[in-house]
Structure formats: C-alpha cells, structure tokens
Amino acid sequence: MLTVTYSIVALELEQKKVRWTFSSLQKYIRNSIRNFRSADGVDSEQLVNRISQFEQYYQQRRMAVFLIPVLRQCTHEADALLDELEKLNAASVTLVKSLRQRLQLALTKGAAMIEELCASLEQCCLNFCQRLRREEELVKLAERVIPTEAWFGLATIFLSEHASKSRTPMPVMFDDED
C-alpha cells in the first residue's frame, strides 16, 4: 500500500510542478501577446523556445513515460481518456512546431498575421490546460484500476530515478516581467 501511495504522491507532485511552470509560461505568453498587439518589442525567438522547451519537458514526465504505458497495459477503462490525451498531445506538438513559422509570417506581414499568431498562442495555452486537467483525471483513474504489483514497479522506477537524480530538469523558470 505504501508503494501505491508513494507513486501517487510522486505523480501529484510532478503535476503541481508542471502546473506551476505552466502558469509562469502562460503569464509570459499573455505578456507577449499584449506586447505584440501594442507594437512593443517581443523577443520572439525566446518566446518560441520557451514554449518548445515546456512541450519537450511535458512529454518527458513520469506521467507520459511510465504511467500512461502501464495504464494501457492494465485496463481498457482508460482508453477513451488516453486517446483524448494522445490527440491533445499530437495537436500540441503540431501547434508548437507551427509557431515559429507563424511568428516569422507575423513579423513580415504585419497586423493581420499578428492576430493569427496571438490566437495560436492562446490555443497553445488552452491545449496545455486541457491536457493537465485530463491527466489529473487519469491519476485518479489509475489509482483505482492499476494493480498493486504494477504500482510497485512504478514506485521502484520512481525511487531509482530519484536516487540517481537522472530526471530531466524542469524548464528554466519564467520571469513574469518578460
């Protein structure tokens, strides 16, 4: 029972960290959108890099790397939720990849493209929010359906990962002033 508790707490802590990091990124994106619209300078390369860095971190978390594969093996009860997350992930990856191109177009073509870019940035934030909410549901479902021996395996992985400190570091914290 302790391994189940440890694993769930580890996943919930990771979710809290990613939510906090996303909140900072979201503030940065919103400030950038305001600056785009008011013609203030925006370091567009840094903006796209931060979003890309967050997406990469998001894809390398315990949730994506360990929990989702275990859930797929243990139950079909989570299939609809996992399929929805998979679609949201694919949409996010596509959106993040297109941001750099949209940004270049906005900088060369002007105001109409800037509105399109801002809409894409807002969609990116919405997508991250949806994914986080659905993953929180996934943890609750996992707690109920994953057998104890599978939780033991997850706890073993989490503990060895923690001990070796080989975890992917969180993205650089975002300044609210940017």
N, C-alpha and C. Protein backbone atom coordinates (compact mmCIF):
# COMPACT_ATOMS: atom_id res chain seq x y z
N MET A 1 0.81 -1.19 0.00
CA MET A 1 0.00 0.00 0.00
C MET A 1 0.86 1.26 0.00
N LEU A 2 1.99 1.22 0.68
CA LEU A 2 2.88 2.38 0.68
C LEU A 2 3.43 2.68 -0.70
N THR A 3 3.68 1.65 -1.49
CA THR A 3 4.20 1.90 -2.85
C THR A 3 3.15 2.62 -3.70
N VAL A 4 1.89 2.26 -3.52
CA VAL A 4 0.82 2.94 -4.25
C VAL A 4 0.78 4.40 -3.83
N THR A 5 0.81 4.64 -2.54
CA THR A 5 0.76 6.00 -2.01
C THR A 5 1.96 6.80 -2.49
N TYR A 6 3.15 6.22 -2.40
CA TYR A 6 4.35 6.92 -2.85
C TYR A 6 4.24 7.29 -4.33
N SER A 7 3.82 6.35 -5.15
CA SER A 7 3.72 6.60 -6.59
C SER A 7 2.72 7.70 -6.90
N ILE A 8 1.60 7.66 -6.24
CA ILE A 8 0.57 8.67 -6.49
C ILE A 8 1.04 10.05 -6.03
N VAL A 9 1.66 10.09 -4.86
CA VAL A 9 2.19 11.37 -4.36
C VAL A 9 3.25 11.90 -5.32
N ALA A 10 4.13 11.03 -5.82
CA ALA A 10 5.17 11.46 -6.76
C ALA A 10 4.54 12.04 -8.03
N LEU A 11 3.50 11.38 -8.54
CA LEU A 11 2.82 11.87 -9.74
C LEU A 11 2.10 13.19 -9.47
N GLU A 12 1.45 13.29 -8.32
CA GLU A 12 0.74 14.53 -7.98
C GLU A 12 1.72 15.69 -7.78
N LEU A 13 2.87 15.43 -7.16
CA LEU A 13 3.88 16.48 -7.00
C LEU A 13 4.40 16.94 -8.36
N GLU A 14 4.63 15.99 -9.25
CA GLU A 14 5.08 16.35 -10.59
C GLU A 14 4.02 17.19 -11.30
N GLN A 15 2.75 16.84 -11.13
CA GLN A 15 1.66 17.62 -11.73
C GLN A 15 1.64 19.04 -11.17
N LYS A 16 1.85 19.18 -9.87
CA LYS A 16 1.87 20.51 -9.26
C LYS A 16 3.03 21.34 -9.82
N LYS A 17 4.18 20.71 -9.96
CA LYS A 17 5.33 21.42 -10.52
C LYS A 17 5.08 21.85 -11.96
N VAL A 18 4.49 20.97 -12.74
CA VAL A 18 4.24 21.31 -14.14
C VAL A 18 3.16 22.38 -14.24
N ARG A 19 2.17 22.34 -13.36
CA ARG A 19 1.15 23.39 -13.34
C ARG A 19 1.76 24.74 -12.99
N TRP A 20 2.65 24.75 -12.00
CA TRP A 20 3.31 25.99 -11.62
C TRP A 20 4.16 26.53 -12.76
N THR A 21 4.91 25.66 -13.40
CA THR A 21 5.74 26.06 -14.53
C THR A 21 4.87 26.56 -15.68
N PHE A 22 3.76 25.85 -15.94
CA PHE A 22 2.86 26.29 -16.99
C PHE A 22 2.25 27.65 -16.66
N SER A 23 1.90 27.87 -15.41
CA SER A 23 1.33 29.15 -15.01
C SER A 23 2.30 30.30 -15.32
N SER A 24 3.56 30.08 -15.04
CA SER A 24 4.58 31.09 -15.36
C SER A 24 4.70 31.28 -16.86
N LEU A 25 4.69 30.19 -17.60
CA LEU A 25 4.76 30.27 -19.06
C LEU A 25 3.54 31.00 -19.61
N GLN A 26 2.38 30.70 -19.07
CA GLN A 26 1.15 31.33 -19.53
C GLN A 26 1.19 32.85 -19.31
N LYS A 27 1.70 33.28 -18.18
CA LYS A 27 1.86 34.72 -17.92
C LYS A 27 2.80 35.34 -18.94
N TYR A 28 3.88 34.64 -19.22
CA TYR A 28 4.85 35.13 -20.20
C TYR A 28 4.21 35.25 -21.59
N ILE A 29 3.44 34.23 -21.96
CA ILE A 29 2.76 34.25 -23.26
C ILE A 29 1.77 35.40 -23.32
N ARG A 30 0.99 35.57 -22.27
CA ARG A 30 -0.01 36.66 -22.26
C ARG A 30 0.66 38.03 -22.33
N ASN A 31 1.77 38.19 -21.62
CA ASN A 31 2.52 39.46 -21.73
C ASN A 31 3.03 39.66 -23.15
N SER A 32 3.50 38.58 -23.76
CA SER A 32 4.00 38.67 -25.14
C SER A 32 2.87 39.04 -26.10
N ILE A 33 1.69 38.46 -25.89
CA ILE A 33 0.55 38.78 -26.74
C ILE A 33 0.21 40.26 -26.62
N ARG A 34 0.17 40.76 -25.38
CA ARG A 34 -0.10 42.20 -25.18
C ARG A 34 0.95 43.04 -25.90
N ASN A 35 2.21 42.63 -25.80
CA ASN A 35 3.30 43.38 -26.45
C ASN A 35 3.21 43.31 -27.97
N PHE A 36 2.80 42.15 -28.50
CA PHE A 36 2.61 42.05 -29.96
C PHE A 36 1.54 43.04 -30.40
N ARG A 37 0.44 43.05 -29.67
CA ARG A 37 -0.70 43.89 -30.05
C ARG A 37 -0.43 45.37 -29.86
N SER A 38 0.46 45.71 -28.93
CA SER A 38 0.74 47.14 -28.70
C SER A 38 2.01 47.59 -29.41
N ALA A 39 2.57 46.72 -30.23
CA ALA A 39 3.77 47.01 -31.03
C ALA A 39 5.02 47.21 -30.17
N ASP A 40 4.96 46.80 -28.90
CA ASP A 40 6.18 46.79 -28.09
C ASP A 40 7.05 45.64 -28.56
N GLY A 41 8.30 45.71 -28.25
CA GLY A 41 9.21 44.66 -28.68
C GLY A 41 8.96 43.35 -27.94
N VAL A 42 9.05 42.25 -28.66
CA VAL A 42 8.94 40.93 -28.08
C VAL A 42 10.09 40.11 -28.62
N ASP A 43 10.79 39.41 -27.74
CA ASP A 43 11.84 38.52 -28.19
C ASP A 43 11.17 37.24 -28.67
N SER A 44 10.81 37.24 -29.93
CA SER A 44 10.00 36.16 -30.49
C SER A 44 10.72 34.82 -30.45
N GLU A 45 12.00 34.82 -30.69
CA GLU A 45 12.77 33.57 -30.66
C GLU A 45 12.73 32.97 -29.26
N GLN A 46 12.89 33.81 -28.25
CA GLN A 46 12.85 33.34 -26.87
C GLN A 46 11.46 32.80 -26.52
N LEU A 47 10.43 33.46 -26.99
CA LEU A 47 9.06 33.02 -26.75
C LEU A 47 8.85 31.61 -27.30
N VAL A 48 9.19 31.41 -28.55
CA VAL A 48 9.01 30.10 -29.17
C VAL A 48 9.89 29.05 -28.50
N ASN A 49 11.11 29.42 -28.14
CA ASN A 49 12.00 28.47 -27.46
C ASN A 49 11.44 28.04 -26.11
N ARG A 50 10.87 28.97 -25.37
CA ARG A 50 10.29 28.63 -24.06
C ARG A 50 9.10 27.69 -24.21
N ILE A 51 8.26 27.95 -25.18
CA ILE A 51 7.11 27.08 -25.41
C ILE A 51 7.59 25.70 -25.85
N SER A 52 8.56 25.65 -26.74
CA SER A 52 9.11 24.36 -27.20
C SER A 52 9.76 23.60 -26.04
N GLN A 53 10.47 24.31 -25.21
CA GLN A 53 11.13 23.69 -24.06
C GLN A 53 10.10 23.11 -23.10
N PHE A 54 9.01 23.84 -22.87
CA PHE A 54 7.97 23.33 -21.99
C PHE A 54 7.32 22.08 -22.59
N GLU A 55 7.04 22.11 -23.88
CA GLU A 55 6.44 20.95 -24.55
C GLU A 55 7.35 19.73 -24.43
N GLN A 56 8.63 19.93 -24.62
CA GLN A 56 9.58 18.82 -24.52
C GLN A 56 9.59 18.27 -23.09
N TYR A 57 9.65 19.14 -22.11
CA TYR A 57 9.59 18.69 -20.71
C TYR A 57 8.29 17.94 -20.44
N TYR A 58 7.21 18.47 -20.96
CA TYR A 58 5.88 17.88 -20.76
C TYR A 58 5.85 16.43 -21.25
N GLN A 59 6.47 16.19 -22.39
CA GLN A 59 6.48 14.85 -22.98
C GLN A 59 7.40 13.87 -22.25
N GLN A 60 8.29 14.38 -21.39
CA GLN A 60 9.27 13.51 -20.72
C GLN A 60 8.96 13.26 -19.25
N ARG A 61 7.79 13.66 -18.81
CA ARG A 61 7.43 13.47 -17.41
C ARG A 61 7.07 12.02 -17.11
N ARG A 62 7.01 11.69 -15.83
CA ARG A 62 6.64 10.34 -15.40
C ARG A 62 5.27 9.93 -15.93
N MET A 63 4.37 10.89 -15.96
CA MET A 63 3.02 10.62 -16.46
C MET A 63 3.09 10.02 -17.87
N ALA A 64 3.82 10.68 -18.75
CA ALA A 64 3.88 10.25 -20.15
C ALA A 64 4.76 9.02 -20.33
N VAL A 65 5.87 8.99 -19.64
CA VAL A 65 6.86 7.93 -19.87
C VAL A 65 6.50 6.62 -19.16
N PHE A 66 5.93 6.71 -17.96
CA PHE A 66 5.69 5.50 -17.17
C PHE A 66 4.22 5.18 -16.95
N LEU A 67 3.45 6.14 -16.46
CA LEU A 67 2.07 5.84 -16.07
C LEU A 67 1.18 5.49 -17.25
N ILE A 68 1.23 6.27 -18.30
CA ILE A 68 0.35 6.02 -19.44
C ILE A 68 0.59 4.63 -20.06
N PRO A 69 1.84 4.22 -20.28
CA PRO A 69 2.04 2.85 -20.80
C PRO A 69 1.50 1.77 -19.86
N VAL A 70 1.66 1.95 -18.54
CA VAL A 70 1.14 0.97 -17.59
C VAL A 70 -0.38 0.93 -17.66
N LEU A 71 -1.00 2.08 -17.74
CA LEU A 71 -2.46 2.12 -17.85
C LEU A 71 -2.95 1.43 -19.11
N ARG A 72 -2.25 1.64 -20.21
CA ARG A 72 -2.65 0.99 -21.47
C ARG A 72 -2.58 -0.53 -21.34
N GLN A 73 -1.60 -1.02 -20.58
CA GLN A 73 -1.45 -2.47 -20.39
C GLN A 73 -2.47 -3.04 -19.40
N CYS A 74 -2.83 -2.26 -18.39
CA CYS A 74 -3.63 -2.79 -17.29
C CYS A 74 -5.13 -2.76 -17.51
N THR A 75 -5.62 -1.82 -18.30
CA THR A 75 -7.07 -1.67 -18.41
C THR A 75 -7.46 -0.99 -19.71
N HIS A 76 -8.66 -1.31 -20.14
CA HIS A 76 -9.25 -0.62 -21.29
C HIS A 76 -10.19 0.48 -20.83
N GLU A 77 -10.41 0.54 -19.52
CA GLU A 77 -11.29 1.55 -18.95
C GLU A 77 -10.76 2.97 -19.21
N ALA A 78 -9.46 3.09 -19.36
CA ALA A 78 -8.84 4.40 -19.57
C ALA A 78 -8.66 4.74 -21.05
N ASP A 79 -9.05 3.86 -21.94
CA ASP A 79 -8.78 4.05 -23.37
C ASP A 79 -9.30 5.38 -23.92
N ALA A 80 -10.54 5.74 -23.59
CA ALA A 80 -11.11 6.98 -24.13
C ALA A 80 -10.31 8.19 -23.65
N LEU A 81 -9.99 8.21 -22.38
CA LEU A 81 -9.21 9.31 -21.82
C LEU A 81 -7.79 9.34 -22.40
N LEU A 82 -7.18 8.18 -22.54
CA LEU A 82 -5.84 8.11 -23.12
C LEU A 82 -5.84 8.52 -24.59
N ASP A 83 -6.87 8.12 -25.31
CA ASP A 83 -6.98 8.54 -26.72
C ASP A 83 -7.15 10.04 -26.83
N GLU A 84 -7.95 10.62 -25.94
CA GLU A 84 -8.12 12.07 -25.94
C GLU A 84 -6.80 12.78 -25.64
N LEU A 85 -6.07 12.27 -24.66
CA LEU A 85 -4.76 12.85 -24.33
C LEU A 85 -3.79 12.72 -25.49
N GLU A 86 -3.83 11.59 -26.17
CA GLU A 86 -2.96 11.39 -27.33
C GLU A 86 -3.27 12.41 -28.43
N LYS A 87 -4.54 12.68 -28.66
CA LYS A 87 -4.94 13.68 -29.66
C LYS A 87 -4.51 15.08 -29.22
N LEU A 88 -4.70 15.39 -27.95
CA LEU A 88 -4.28 16.70 -27.44
C LEU A 88 -2.76 16.86 -27.55
N ASN A 89 -2.02 15.79 -27.24
CA ASN A 89 -0.56 15.83 -27.36
C ASN A 89 -0.13 16.06 -28.80
N ALA A 90 -0.74 15.33 -29.72
CA ALA A 90 -0.40 15.49 -31.13
C ALA A 90 -0.73 16.90 -31.62
N ALA A 91 -1.88 17.42 -31.20
CA ALA A 91 -2.26 18.78 -31.59
C ALA A 91 -1.28 19.80 -31.02
N SER A 92 -0.85 19.57 -29.80
CA SER A 92 0.10 20.50 -29.18
C SER A 92 1.44 20.47 -29.89
N VAL A 93 1.93 19.30 -30.20
CA VAL A 93 3.22 19.19 -30.90
C VAL A 93 3.13 19.90 -32.25
N THR A 94 2.04 19.68 -32.97
CA THR A 94 1.84 20.34 -34.27
C THR A 94 1.78 21.85 -34.10
N LEU A 95 1.04 22.30 -33.12
CA LEU A 95 0.90 23.73 -32.87
C LEU A 95 2.23 24.37 -32.51
N VAL A 96 2.97 23.72 -31.63
CA VAL A 96 4.27 24.27 -31.22
C VAL A 96 5.22 24.34 -32.42
N LYS A 97 5.21 23.30 -33.25
CA LYS A 97 6.06 23.31 -34.44
C LYS A 97 5.69 24.44 -35.40
N SER A 98 4.40 24.75 -35.49
CA SER A 98 3.97 25.78 -36.43
C SER A 98 4.17 27.20 -35.89
N LEU A 99 4.40 27.34 -34.60
CA LEU A 99 4.54 28.68 -34.01
C LEU A 99 5.69 29.48 -34.61
N ARG A 100 6.81 28.82 -34.80
CA ARG A 100 7.99 29.53 -35.34
C ARG A 100 7.67 30.10 -36.73
N GLN A 101 7.03 29.30 -37.54
CA GLN A 101 6.67 29.75 -38.89
C GLN A 101 5.64 30.88 -38.83
N ARG A 102 4.64 30.74 -37.98
CA ARG A 102 3.62 31.78 -37.83
C ARG A 102 4.23 33.08 -37.32
N LEU A 103 5.20 32.95 -36.45
CA LEU A 103 5.86 34.12 -35.90
C LEU A 103 6.62 34.87 -36.99
N GLN A 104 7.33 34.13 -37.82
CA GLN A 104 8.05 34.76 -38.92
C GLN A 104 7.09 35.48 -39.87
N LEU A 105 5.97 34.83 -40.18
CA LEU A 105 4.96 35.45 -41.05
C LEU A 105 4.39 36.72 -40.40
N ALA A 106 4.13 36.66 -39.11
CA ALA A 106 3.57 37.82 -38.42
C ALA A 106 4.54 38.98 -38.44
N LEU A 107 5.81 38.69 -38.29
CA LEU A 107 6.81 39.76 -38.27
C LEU A 107 7.00 40.38 -39.65
N THR A 108 6.79 39.60 -40.71
CA THR A 108 6.99 40.14 -42.05
C THR A 108 5.71 40.68 -42.68
N LYS A 109 4.55 40.12 -42.33
CA LYS A 109 3.30 40.51 -43.00
C LYS A 109 2.44 41.47 -42.20
N GLY A 110 2.73 41.65 -40.92
CA GLY A 110 2.04 42.68 -40.17
C GLY A 110 0.86 42.26 -39.33
N ALA A 111 -0.03 43.23 -39.12
CA ALA A 111 -1.09 43.15 -38.11
C ALA A 111 -2.02 41.95 -38.27
N ALA A 112 -2.45 41.65 -39.46
CA ALA A 112 -3.39 40.53 -39.65
C ALA A 112 -2.76 39.22 -39.20
N MET A 113 -1.51 39.03 -39.51
CA MET A 113 -0.82 37.81 -39.11
C MET A 113 -0.53 37.80 -37.61
N ILE A 114 -0.36 38.97 -37.03
CA ILE A 114 -0.11 39.04 -35.58
C ILE A 114 -1.33 38.53 -34.83
N GLU A 115 -2.52 38.89 -35.30
CA GLU A 115 -3.74 38.38 -34.65
C GLU A 115 -3.83 36.86 -34.76
N GLU A 116 -3.43 36.33 -35.90
CA GLU A 116 -3.43 34.88 -36.09
C GLU A 116 -2.40 34.23 -35.16
N LEU A 117 -1.25 34.84 -35.04
CA LEU A 117 -0.22 34.34 -34.13
C LEU A 117 -0.72 34.37 -32.68
N CYS A 118 -1.32 35.47 -32.29
CA CYS A 118 -1.84 35.59 -30.92
C CYS A 118 -2.90 34.52 -30.66
N ALA A 119 -3.76 34.26 -31.63
CA ALA A 119 -4.77 33.21 -31.49
C ALA A 119 -4.10 31.85 -31.33
N SER A 120 -3.02 31.61 -32.05
CA SER A 120 -2.28 30.35 -31.92
C SER A 120 -1.64 30.21 -30.54
N LEU A 121 -1.10 31.31 -30.04
CA LEU A 121 -0.50 31.29 -28.71
C LEU A 121 -1.57 31.01 -27.64
N GLU A 122 -2.73 31.63 -27.79
CA GLU A 122 -3.82 31.37 -26.85
C GLU A 122 -4.30 29.93 -26.94
N GLN A 123 -4.34 29.38 -28.16
CA GLN A 123 -4.73 27.99 -28.35
C GLN A 123 -3.71 27.05 -27.70
N CYS A 124 -2.46 27.41 -27.79
CA CYS A 124 -1.40 26.62 -27.17
C CYS A 124 -1.63 26.55 -25.65
N CYS A 125 -1.95 27.67 -25.04
CA CYS A 125 -2.23 27.71 -23.59
C CYS A 125 -3.45 26.86 -23.25
N LEU A 126 -4.50 27.00 -24.05
CA LEU A 126 -5.72 26.23 -23.82
C LEU A 126 -5.44 24.73 -23.90
N ASN A 127 -4.64 24.35 -24.87
CA ASN A 127 -4.29 22.94 -25.05
C ASN A 127 -3.53 22.42 -23.83
N PHE A 128 -2.55 23.18 -23.34
CA PHE A 128 -1.81 22.75 -22.15
C PHE A 128 -2.76 22.59 -20.96
N CYS A 129 -3.69 23.53 -20.79
CA CYS A 129 -4.66 23.44 -19.68
C CYS A 129 -5.52 22.19 -19.79
N GLN A 130 -6.01 21.91 -20.98
CA GLN A 130 -6.85 20.73 -21.18
C GLN A 130 -6.08 19.46 -20.86
N ARG A 131 -4.85 19.40 -21.33
CA ARG A 131 -4.04 18.21 -21.08
C ARG A 131 -3.81 18.00 -19.59
N LEU A 132 -3.51 19.07 -18.87
CA LEU A 132 -3.27 18.96 -17.43
C LEU A 132 -4.53 18.50 -16.70
N ARG A 133 -5.68 19.04 -17.06
CA ARG A 133 -6.94 18.63 -16.42
C ARG A 133 -7.23 17.15 -16.68
N ARG A 134 -7.05 16.74 -17.90
CA ARG A 134 -7.34 15.34 -18.24
C ARG A 134 -6.35 14.39 -17.55
N GLU A 135 -5.11 14.82 -17.41
CA GLU A 135 -4.12 13.97 -16.73
C GLU A 135 -4.45 13.83 -15.24
N GLU A 136 -5.00 14.87 -14.65
CA GLU A 136 -5.41 14.75 -13.25
C GLU A 136 -6.51 13.70 -13.09
N GLU A 137 -7.42 13.66 -14.04
CA GLU A 137 -8.44 12.62 -14.05
C GLU A 137 -7.79 11.24 -14.23
N LEU A 138 -6.77 11.20 -15.05
CA LEU A 138 -6.07 9.96 -15.32
C LEU A 138 -5.42 9.39 -14.06
N VAL A 139 -4.83 10.24 -13.24
CA VAL A 139 -4.20 9.78 -12.00
C VAL A 139 -5.24 9.15 -11.08
N LYS A 140 -6.41 9.78 -10.98
CA LYS A 140 -7.48 9.23 -10.14
C LYS A 140 -7.94 7.87 -10.67
N LEU A 141 -8.07 7.78 -11.98
CA LEU A 141 -8.46 6.51 -12.58
C LEU A 141 -7.38 5.46 -12.36
N ALA A 142 -6.14 5.85 -12.55
CA ALA A 142 -5.03 4.92 -12.37
C ALA A 142 -4.99 4.37 -10.94
N GLU A 143 -5.24 5.22 -9.98
CA GLU A 143 -5.24 4.79 -8.58
C GLU A 143 -6.25 3.66 -8.36
N ARG A 144 -7.34 3.74 -9.07
CA ARG A 144 -8.40 2.76 -8.90
C ARG A 144 -8.16 1.46 -9.69
N VAL A 145 -7.55 1.55 -10.87
CA VAL A 145 -7.51 0.38 -11.76
C VAL A 145 -6.16 -0.32 -11.86
N ILE A 146 -5.08 0.33 -11.53
CA ILE A 146 -3.77 -0.32 -11.67
C ILE A 146 -3.55 -1.25 -10.48
N PRO A 147 -3.18 -2.49 -10.76
CA PRO A 147 -2.96 -3.44 -9.66
C PRO A 147 -1.72 -3.08 -8.83
N THR A 148 -1.72 -3.55 -7.61
CA THR A 148 -0.65 -3.23 -6.65
C THR A 148 0.73 -3.59 -7.20
N GLU A 149 0.86 -4.73 -7.87
CA GLU A 149 2.18 -5.12 -8.38
C GLU A 149 2.70 -4.14 -9.44
N ALA A 150 1.78 -3.58 -10.23
CA ALA A 150 2.19 -2.58 -11.21
C ALA A 150 2.62 -1.29 -10.51
N TRP A 151 1.90 -0.92 -9.44
CA TRP A 151 2.30 0.27 -8.66
C TRP A 151 3.67 0.04 -8.03
N PHE A 152 3.92 -1.18 -7.59
CA PHE A 152 5.23 -1.49 -7.02
C PHE A 152 6.32 -1.26 -8.07
N GLY A 153 6.07 -1.70 -9.30
CA GLY A 153 7.03 -1.47 -10.38
C GLY A 153 7.24 0.02 -10.64
N LEU A 154 6.15 0.79 -10.65
CA LEU A 154 6.27 2.24 -10.84
C LEU A 154 7.06 2.88 -9.70
N ALA A 155 6.75 2.47 -8.47
CA ALA A 155 7.46 3.04 -7.31
C ALA A 155 8.94 2.72 -7.39
N THR A 156 9.27 1.52 -7.81
CA THR A 156 10.68 1.14 -7.95
C THR A 156 11.38 2.05 -8.96
N ILE A 157 10.74 2.29 -10.08
CA ILE A 157 11.29 3.17 -11.11
C ILE A 157 11.45 4.59 -10.57
N PHE A 158 10.40 5.10 -9.92
CA PHE A 158 10.44 6.46 -9.39
C PHE A 158 11.54 6.62 -8.35
N LEU A 159 11.67 5.63 -7.47
CA LEU A 159 12.70 5.70 -6.43
C LEU A 159 14.10 5.64 -7.02
N SER A 160 14.32 4.75 -7.97
CA SER A 160 15.66 4.67 -8.57
C SER A 160 15.96 5.93 -9.38
N GLU A 161 14.95 6.45 -10.03
CA GLU A 161 15.10 7.70 -10.78
C GLU A 161 15.45 8.85 -9.84
N HIS A 162 14.76 8.89 -8.72
CA HIS A 162 15.02 9.94 -7.73
C HIS A 162 16.43 9.79 -7.15
N ALA A 163 16.81 8.57 -6.84
CA ALA A 163 18.12 8.32 -6.24
C ALA A 163 19.26 8.69 -7.18
N SER A 164 19.09 8.42 -8.45
CA SER A 164 20.16 8.70 -9.40
C SER A 164 20.16 10.15 -9.88
N LYS A 165 19.08 10.87 -9.55
CA LYS A 165 18.94 12.28 -9.95
C LYS A 165 19.10 12.44 -11.46
N SER A 166 18.62 11.44 -12.19
CA SER A 166 18.74 11.49 -13.65
C SER A 166 17.52 12.10 -14.31
N ARG A 167 16.62 12.66 -13.52
CA ARG A 167 15.40 13.23 -14.08
C ARG A 167 15.72 14.43 -14.96
N THR A 168 14.92 14.59 -15.97
CA THR A 168 15.03 15.77 -16.83
C THR A 168 14.67 16.99 -16.01
N PRO A 169 15.53 17.99 -16.00
CA PRO A 169 15.22 19.17 -15.19
C PRO A 169 14.02 19.93 -15.77
N MET A 170 13.33 20.62 -14.87
CA MET A 170 12.22 21.44 -15.33
C MET A 170 12.78 22.58 -16.15
N PRO A 171 11.96 23.14 -17.03
CA PRO A 171 12.43 24.28 -17.81
C PRO A 171 12.84 25.43 -16.91
N VAL A 172 13.67 26.29 -17.45
CA VAL A 172 14.09 27.48 -16.74
C VAL A 172 12.85 28.25 -16.32
N MET A 173 12.85 28.75 -15.11
CA MET A 173 11.69 29.48 -14.62
C MET A 173 11.50 30.74 -15.46
N PHE A 174 10.30 31.12 -15.63
CA PHE A 174 9.95 32.25 -16.49
C PHE A 174 9.77 33.49 -15.64
N ASP A 175 10.33 34.57 -16.08
CA ASP A 175 10.16 35.85 -15.40
C ASP A 175 8.82 36.42 -15.79
N ASP A 176 8.08 36.88 -14.79
CA ASP A 176 6.77 37.49 -15.06
C ASP A 176 6.92 38.81 -15.80
N GLU A 177 8.07 39.44 -15.67
CA GLU A 177 8.28 40.74 -16.27
C GLU A 177 8.53 40.66 -17.76
N ASP A 178 8.94 39.52 -18.28
CA ASP A 178 9.25 39.40 -19.70
C ASP A 178 8.04 39.63 -20.56
